[in-house]
Amino acid sequence: MTSMYDDLGRPPLDQTALARALTGSGSRWTEVLVVASTPSTNEVLADRSRAGGRDGLVLVAEHQVAGRGRLGRTWVAAPRAGISMSVLVRPAGVPVARWAWIPLLSGLAVAAALRQVADVPAVLKWPNDVMVEDRKLAGLLVERVEGATGAAAVIGIGLNVSTTRAELPTPHATSLLIERASTTDRATLVKAILRRLDGLLAEWEAGTGEPSAALRDAYESACATIGQQVRVELPGRETVEGEAVGVDGSGRLLVQTGSGRQ
């Protein structure tokens, strides 16, 4: 019996099984697609959104060859060594002006899922880098897309799963394998992340985009930036230095400086 892939330690994802587990009554997720390779899952779903793609579409790539992160950074991963995934959401009843919490909730979903199913002490670096201590485990990129059927948010998630030290793009990164996670099964991780994200988005939508006290507490408890001395670079080269003390209703970092809170 021959294998359909060349790395038995990194089996491919089963689109049918993921769709069966994630879609259906009561779930936000309406369609799950798994592709062998794509330049960027975010770009694919942005195009689908402009063409009228519906809320709840999930795209996972076994290999993403031109992944993008925040601030124009790249995201590099070996084939099937991680999770390269984007989801398309059209928040129900929430004005676009209140969408700033989507990146925070997305990062919280990933960190909470990893703590739950992989037993790693994942925390957040504001706004949504997923860290283990000072090592980056996952990065997220949330983009708003305008189209003929209205606005949508495309949430991109890149998670290092079985990436080895030799495969890491930077010594400041890490993976679930390196952190001795209790599981590196990508199907288990995809399901846990999407179920947690579904629940958090539903709770946020119930408040029409105003984060509840429970959501803010959950985020601040998971965010290692809170309580740290930070230096924030603002547009125009202005900087703010002080202690990060929380986030506000728009997802902005609150910093206590010598002249007050900003």
Foldseek 3Di string as FASTA:
>chain_A
DDDPDDDPVQDDDDQVVLCVLADDPPHQAHHEEEEAEDQAQLVVVLVCVQVPNATRYKYWYQAHNFYAAPPGDTDHDDGSQWTKMKGKHDQPLADPLLCLCLQQQLLLLLQVLCCPQFVALWFAAPPHFIDRVQATFKGKDWDWHQHPVGIIIMIIIIGGQNDDCVRDPDNRHDHSVRRVTPDSPRSSSVNSSSVSSRVSSVQCSVVSSFDDPVRQVSSVVRHPQAQDWDWDQDPPRDIDTAGFHGADRSRHTWGQDPVGID
